[in-house]
Amino acid sequence: MVDIGRFPKTLNRRALRYGDEWWAEFAPKESWGPADTLIKRRNRTLLRRHQESHVNHPQISREPKMNILIVDDSSAMRMMVVRTLRQAGIDKKCVEQAEDGAIALELIRKKVPDLVLADWNMPNMTGIELLEALRAEDIDVTFGFITTESSTEMRKRATDAGAQFLISKPFTLEAFEKVLATVVK
């Protein structure tokens, strides 16, 4: 019989990584006893919970895939938004990025995304100018702002221009989930 006391962390890690095959590394099947069976059952439960927690987010379905464009002049902020979207259940492969509104406008003209998340203040073309240009060209896209600008007049201007939502920085996963649950169909 295998000395279970030596392997608890290793067993759990290997159970999550390899599923059922981990057991053969430590002991041949003939030596499995009642304690081994209990640990194997526990590790199967851990594996199942791990797999279930990574299949689909409960609020946001991954089917069909949603194309999202993130527009922000800060690459660090774009990466934070991508990470938060991934935590909210959006696949990283479905996300494109642009450094300012002018680049974003060119990308949108080539392929209209399902959702645009833009910062308000950027060089070359601001987020509100991008939204107004999209509406002037009659490009229908779901548009929201992620910005530090959250005054009532800014919110009113964004809403009047056609923005569906405004998320204030610093943002939380819950703020994204709340907004995305209403936007994602």
C-alpha atoms as a PDB file:
ATOM      1  CA  MET A   1       0.000   0.000   0.000  1.00  0.00           C
ATOM      2  CA  VAL A   2       1.189   3.551  -0.751  1.00  0.00           C
ATOM      3  CA  ASP A   3       2.143   5.839   2.111  1.00  0.00           C
ATOM      4  CA  ILE A   4      -0.557   8.471   1.561  1.00  0.00           C
ATOM      5  CA  GLY A   5       0.947  10.937   4.024  1.00  0.00           C
ATOM      6  CA  ARG A   6       3.857  11.716   1.712  1.00  0.00           C
ATOM      7  CA  PHE A   7       1.811  12.801  -1.323  1.00  0.00           C
ATOM      8  CA  PRO A   8      -1.265  14.890  -0.417  1.00  0.00           C
ATOM      9  CA  LYS A   9      -0.401  18.026  -2.434  1.00  0.00           C
ATOM     10  CA  THR A  10       1.142  16.038  -5.270  1.00  0.00           C
ATOM     11  CA  LEU A  11      -1.905  13.797  -5.496  1.00  0.00           C
ATOM     12  CA  ASN A  12      -4.258  16.757  -5.713  1.00  0.00           C
ATOM     13  CA  ARG A  13      -2.154  18.540  -8.340  1.00  0.00           C
ATOM     14  CA  ARG A  14      -1.742  15.442 -10.427  1.00  0.00           C
ATOM     15  CA  ALA A  15      -5.420  14.553 -10.112  1.00  0.00           C
ATOM     16  CA  LEU A  16      -6.349  17.926 -11.550  1.00  0.00           C
ATOM     17  CA  ARG A  17      -3.713  17.670 -14.273  1.00  0.00           C
ATOM     18  CA  TYR A  18      -4.094  14.088 -15.413  1.00  0.00           C
ATOM     19  CA  GLY A  19      -7.464  12.833 -14.167  1.00  0.00           C
ATOM     20  CA  ASP A  20      -7.474   9.118 -13.378  1.00  0.00           C
ATOM     21  CA  GLU A  21      -4.037   8.267 -14.779  1.00  0.00           C
ATOM     22  CA  TRP A  22      -2.204   9.834 -11.824  1.00  0.00           C
ATOM     23  CA  TRP A  23      -2.836   6.843  -9.583  1.00  0.00           C
ATOM     24  CA  ALA A  24      -0.734   4.357 -11.562  1.00  0.00           C
ATOM     25  CA  GLU A  25       2.363   6.468 -10.889  1.00  0.00           C
ATOM     26  CA  PHE A  26       2.259   5.793  -7.158  1.00  0.00           C
ATOM     27  CA  ALA A  27       0.987   2.246  -6.807  1.00  0.00           C
ATOM     28  CA  PRO A  28      -0.009  -0.656  -8.995  1.00  0.00           C
ATOM     29  CA  LYS A  29      -3.734  -1.303  -9.081  1.00  0.00           C
ATOM     30  CA  GLU A  30      -3.370  -4.550  -7.097  1.00  0.00           C
ATOM     31  CA  SER A  31      -2.191  -2.611  -4.016  1.00  0.00           C
ATOM     32  CA  TRP A  32      -5.171  -0.271  -3.822  1.00  0.00           C
ATOM     33  CA  GLY A  33      -6.976  -0.562  -0.527  1.00  0.00           C
ATOM     34  CA  PRO A  34      -9.925   1.187   1.145  1.00  0.00           C
ATOM     35  CA  ALA A  35      -7.909   4.342   1.985  1.00  0.00           C
ATOM     36  CA  ASP A  36      -6.686   4.553  -1.607  1.00  0.00           C
ATOM     37  CA  THR A  37     -10.238   4.298  -2.885  1.00  0.00           C
ATOM     38  CA  LEU A  38     -11.375   7.147  -0.628  1.00  0.00           C
ATOM     39  CA  ILE A  39      -8.538   9.391  -1.762  1.00  0.00           C
ATOM     40  CA  LYS A  40      -9.161   8.517  -5.396  1.00  0.00           C
ATOM     41  CA  ARG A  41     -12.864   9.340  -4.954  1.00  0.00           C
ATOM     42  CA  ARG A  42     -11.952  12.666  -3.303  1.00  0.00           C
ATOM     43  CA  ASN A  43      -9.576  13.545  -6.117  1.00  0.00           C
ATOM     44  CA  ARG A  44     -12.205  12.656  -8.725  1.00  0.00           C
ATOM     45  CA  THR A  45     -14.554  15.061  -6.955  1.00  0.00           C
ATOM     46  CA  LEU A  46     -11.870  17.766  -6.999  1.00  0.00           C
ATOM     47  CA  LEU A  47     -11.257  17.143 -10.684  1.00  0.00           C
ATOM     48  CA  ARG A  48     -14.986  17.319 -11.482  1.00  0.00           C
ATOM     49  CA  ARG A  49     -15.371  20.591  -9.537  1.00  0.00           C
ATOM     50  CA  HIS A  50     -12.345  22.043 -11.314  1.00  0.00           C
ATOM     51  CA  GLN A  51     -13.715  21.082 -14.731  1.00  0.00           C
ATOM     52  CA  GLU A  52     -17.207  22.383 -13.926  1.00  0.00           C
ATOM     53  CA  SER A  53     -15.866  25.727 -12.751  1.00  0.00           C
ATOM     54  CA  HIS A  54     -14.020  26.217 -16.066  1.00  0.00           C
ATOM     55  CA  VAL A  55     -16.665  25.016 -18.522  1.00  0.00           C
ATOM     56  CA  ASN A  56     -19.019  27.992 -18.808  1.00  0.00           C
ATOM     57  CA  HIS A  57     -19.664  31.054 -16.766  1.00  0.00           C
ATOM     58  CA  PRO A  58     -23.161  30.804 -15.280  1.00  0.00           C
ATOM     59  CA  GLN A  59     -24.342  34.189 -16.530  1.00  0.00           C
ATOM     60  CA  ILE A  60     -22.609  34.468 -19.889  1.00  0.00           C
ATOM     61  CA  SER A  61     -22.833  31.791 -22.533  1.00  0.00           C
ATOM     62  CA  ARG A  62     -19.786  31.334 -24.730  1.00  0.00           C
ATOM     63  CA  GLU A  63     -21.936  30.336 -27.711  1.00  0.00           C
ATOM     64  CA  PRO A  64     -22.088  32.077 -30.093  1.00  0.00           C
ATOM     65  CA  LYS A  65     -18.689  33.710 -29.755  1.00  0.00           C
ATOM     66  CA  MET A  66     -18.778  37.432 -29.280  1.00  0.00           C
ATOM     67  CA  ASN A  67     -16.273  39.774 -30.947  1.00  0.00           C
ATOM     68  CA  ILE A  68     -15.193  42.598 -28.658  1.00  0.00           C
ATOM     69  CA  LEU A  69     -13.012  45.609 -29.467  1.00  0.00           C
ATOM     70  CA  ILE A  70     -11.191  47.313 -26.568  1.00  0.00           C
ATOM     71  CA  VAL A  71     -10.095  50.883 -27.288  1.00  0.00           C
ATOM     72  CA  ASP A  72      -7.731  52.479 -24.789  1.00  0.00           C
ATOM     73  CA  ASP A  73      -4.456  54.367 -25.108  1.00  0.00           C
ATOM     74  CA  SER A  74      -2.985  52.500 -22.121  1.00  0.00           C
ATOM     75  CA  SER A  75      -1.801  48.982 -22.958  1.00  0.00           C
ATOM     76  CA  ALA A  76      -1.850  48.080 -19.245  1.00  0.00           C
ATOM     77  CA  MET A  77      -5.518  49.076 -19.018  1.00  0.00           C
ATOM     78  CA  ARG A  78      -6.346  47.074 -22.151  1.00  0.00           C
ATOM     79  CA  MET A  79      -4.699  44.019 -20.578  1.00  0.00           C
ATOM     80  CA  MET A  80      -6.712  44.540 -17.362  1.00  0.00           C
ATOM     81  CA  VAL A  81      -9.933  44.710 -19.371  1.00  0.00           C
ATOM     82  CA  VAL A  82      -8.994  41.535 -21.297  1.00  0.00           C
ATOM     83  CA  ARG A  83      -8.266  39.734 -18.019  1.00  0.00           C
ATOM     84  CA  THR A  84     -11.556  40.878 -16.503  1.00  0.00           C
ATOM     85  CA  LEU A  85     -13.476  39.777 -19.607  1.00  0.00           C
ATOM     86  CA  ARG A  86     -11.775  36.378 -19.421  1.00  0.00           C
ATOM     87  CA  GLN A  87     -12.783  36.084 -15.757  1.00  0.00           C
ATOM     88  CA  ALA A  88     -16.332  36.980 -16.788  1.00  0.00           C
ATOM     89  CA  GLY A  89     -16.382  34.088 -19.249  1.00  0.00           C
ATOM     90  CA  ILE A  90     -15.430  35.764 -22.529  1.00  0.00           C
ATOM     91  CA  ASP A  91     -12.801  33.939 -24.586  1.00  0.00           C
ATOM     92  CA  LYS A  92      -9.549  35.901 -24.992  1.00  0.00           C
ATOM     93  CA  LYS A  93      -9.449  34.994 -28.699  1.00  0.00           C
ATOM     94  CA  CYS A  94     -12.628  37.006 -29.291  1.00  0.00           C
ATOM     95  CA  VAL A  95     -11.033  40.271 -28.176  1.00  0.00           C
ATOM     96  CA  GLU A  96      -9.262  42.816 -30.399  1.00  0.00           C
ATOM     97  CA  GLN A  97      -7.476  45.952 -29.232  1.00  0.00           C
ATOM     98  CA  ALA A  98      -6.888  49.464 -30.555  1.00  0.00           C
ATOM     99  CA  GLU A  99      -4.713  52.271 -29.162  1.00  0.00           C
ATOM    100  CA  ASP A 100      -7.040  55.155 -30.039  1.00  0.00           C
ATOM    101  CA  GLY A 101     -10.332  56.026 -31.692  1.00  0.00           C
ATOM    102  CA  ALA A 102      -8.863  56.536 -35.185  1.00  0.00           C
ATOM    103  CA  ILE A 103      -7.373  53.025 -35.280  1.00  0.00           C
ATOM    104  CA  ALA A 104     -10.578  51.616 -33.818  1.00  0.00           C
ATOM    105  CA  LEU A 105     -12.679  53.327 -36.480  1.00  0.00           C
ATOM    106  CA  GLU A 106     -10.598  51.717 -39.237  1.00  0.00           C
ATOM    107  CA  LEU A 107     -10.920  48.287 -37.584  1.00  0.00           C
ATOM    108  CA  ILE A 108     -14.680  48.714 -37.190  1.00  0.00           C
ATOM    109  CA  ARG A 109     -15.074  49.740 -40.840  1.00  0.00           C
ATOM    110  CA  LYS A 110     -13.362  46.482 -41.874  1.00  0.00           C
ATOM    111  CA  LYS A 111     -15.270  44.245 -39.467  1.00  0.00           C
ATOM    112  CA  VAL A 112     -18.013  45.417 -37.111  1.00  0.00           C
ATOM    113  CA  PRO A 113     -17.578  43.846 -33.646  1.00  0.00           C
ATOM    114  CA  ASP A 114     -20.465  42.852 -31.392  1.00  0.00           C
ATOM    115  CA  LEU A 115     -19.280  45.163 -28.619  1.00  0.00           C
ATOM    116  CA  VAL A 116     -16.912  48.143 -28.318  1.00  0.00           C
ATOM    117  CA  LEU A 117     -15.436  49.055 -24.930  1.00  0.00           C
ATOM    118  CA  ALA A 118     -13.714  52.434 -25.158  1.00  0.00           C
ATOM    119  CA  ASP A 119     -11.932  54.881 -22.913  1.00  0.00           C
ATOM    120  CA  TRP A 120     -13.218  58.447 -22.995  1.00  0.00           C
ATOM    121  CA  ASN A 121      -9.896  60.348 -23.170  1.00  0.00           C
ATOM    122  CA  MET A 122      -7.431  59.221 -25.872  1.00  0.00           C
ATOM    123  CA  PRO A 123      -5.102  60.926 -28.347  1.00  0.00           C
ATOM    124  CA  ASN A 124      -6.022  61.402 -32.043  1.00  0.00           C
ATOM    125  CA  MET A 125      -9.712  60.557 -31.537  1.00  0.00           C
ATOM    126  CA  THR A 126     -11.462  60.361 -28.167  1.00  0.00           C
ATOM    127  CA  GLY A 127     -14.005  57.735 -27.261  1.00  0.00           C
ATOM    128  CA  ILE A 128     -16.973  60.077 -27.615  1.00  0.00           C
ATOM    129  CA  GLU A 129     -15.682  61.247 -31.020  1.00  0.00           C
ATOM    130  CA  LEU A 130     -15.409  57.589 -32.064  1.00  0.00           C
ATOM    131  CA  LEU A 131     -18.995  56.931 -30.989  1.00  0.00           C
ATOM    132  CA  GLU A 132     -20.252  60.031 -32.802  1.00  0.00           C
ATOM    133  CA  ALA A 133     -18.336  59.032 -35.962  1.00  0.00           C
ATOM    134  CA  LEU A 134     -19.846  55.538 -35.837  1.00  0.00           C
ATOM    135  CA  ARG A 135     -23.359  56.949 -35.500  1.00  0.00           C
ATOM    136  CA  ALA A 136     -22.685  59.489 -38.301  1.00  0.00           C
ATOM    137  CA  GLU A 137     -21.611  56.630 -40.602  1.00  0.00           C
ATOM    138  CA  ASP A 138     -24.691  54.667 -39.503  1.00  0.00           C
ATOM    139  CA  ILE A 139     -22.617  51.782 -38.108  1.00  0.00           C
ATOM    140  CA  ASP A 140     -24.746  49.995 -35.549  1.00  0.00           C
ATOM    141  CA  VAL A 141     -22.607  48.519 -32.780  1.00  0.00           C
ATOM    142  CA  THR A 142     -23.138  48.071 -29.041  1.00  0.00           C
ATOM    143  CA  PHE A 143     -20.898  50.692 -27.454  1.00  0.00           C
ATOM    144  CA  GLY A 144     -19.850  51.271 -23.851  1.00  0.00           C
ATOM    145  CA  PHE A 145     -17.321  53.370 -22.023  1.00  0.00           C
ATOM    146  CA  ILE A 146     -14.764  52.280 -19.435  1.00  0.00           C
ATOM    147  CA  THR A 147     -13.485  55.555 -18.052  1.00  0.00           C
ATOM    148  CA  THR A 148     -12.579  57.634 -15.035  1.00  0.00           C
ATOM    149  CA  GLU A 149     -14.977  60.289 -16.338  1.00  0.00           C
ATOM    150  CA  SER A 150     -18.232  59.490 -14.570  1.00  0.00           C
ATOM    151  CA  SER A 151     -19.864  62.843 -13.918  1.00  0.00           C
ATOM    152  CA  THR A 152     -23.570  63.223 -14.660  1.00  0.00           C
ATOM    153  CA  GLU A 153     -22.940  65.491 -17.673  1.00  0.00           C
ATOM    154  CA  MET A 154     -20.485  62.946 -19.129  1.00  0.00           C
ATOM    155  CA  ARG A 155     -22.997  60.140 -18.592  1.00  0.00           C
ATOM    156  CA  LYS A 156     -25.713  62.242 -20.235  1.00  0.00           C
ATOM    157  CA  ARG A 157     -23.478  63.071 -23.205  1.00  0.00           C
ATOM    158  CA  ALA A 158     -22.553  59.384 -23.613  1.00  0.00           C
ATOM    159  CA  THR A 159     -26.177  58.279 -23.420  1.00  0.00           C
ATOM    160  CA  ASP A 160     -27.290  60.990 -25.872  1.00  0.00           C
ATOM    161  CA  ALA A 161     -24.577  59.862 -28.310  1.00  0.00           C
ATOM    162  CA  GLY A 162     -25.827  56.269 -28.118  1.00  0.00           C
ATOM    163  CA  ALA A 163     -23.652  54.534 -25.507  1.00  0.00           C
ATOM    164  CA  GLN A 164     -25.428  51.633 -23.819  1.00  0.00           C
ATOM    165  CA  PHE A 165     -23.412  51.772 -20.580  1.00  0.00           C
ATOM    166  CA  LEU A 166     -20.542  53.430 -18.746  1.00  0.00           C
ATOM    167  CA  ILE A 167     -18.257  51.501 -16.377  1.00  0.00           C
ATOM    168  CA  SER A 168     -16.240  53.675 -14.009  1.00  0.00           C
ATOM    169  CA  LYS A 169     -12.558  53.029 -13.314  1.00  0.00           C
ATOM    170  CA  PRO A 170     -11.423  51.388 -11.149  1.00  0.00           C
ATOM    171  CA  PHE A 171     -13.821  48.634 -12.184  1.00  0.00           C
ATOM    172  CA  THR A 172     -14.647  45.238 -10.695  1.00  0.00           C
ATOM    173  CA  LEU A 173     -15.516  41.866 -12.159  1.00  0.00           C
ATOM    174  CA  GLU A 174     -19.037  42.277 -10.800  1.00  0.00           C
ATOM    175  CA  ALA A 175     -19.476  45.557 -12.711  1.00  0.00           C
ATOM    176  CA  PHE A 176     -18.469  43.802 -15.942  1.00  0.00           C
ATOM    177  CA  GLU A 177     -20.700  40.804 -15.261  1.00  0.00           C
ATOM    178  CA  LYS A 178     -23.679  43.054 -14.568  1.00  0.00           C
ATOM    179  CA  VAL A 179     -23.207  45.011 -17.792  1.00  0.00           C
ATOM    180  CA  LEU A 180     -22.309  42.019 -19.948  1.00  0.00           C
ATOM    181  CA  ALA A 181     -25.314  40.038 -18.746  1.00  0.00           C
ATOM    182  CA  THR A 182     -27.572  42.714 -20.233  1.00  0.00           C
ATOM    183  CA  VAL A 183     -25.503  43.166 -23.414  1.00  0.00           C
ATOM    184  CA  VAL A 184     -24.706  39.516 -24.226  1.00  0.00           C
ATOM    185  CA  LYS A 185     -27.690  37.668 -25.590  1.00  0.00           C
END
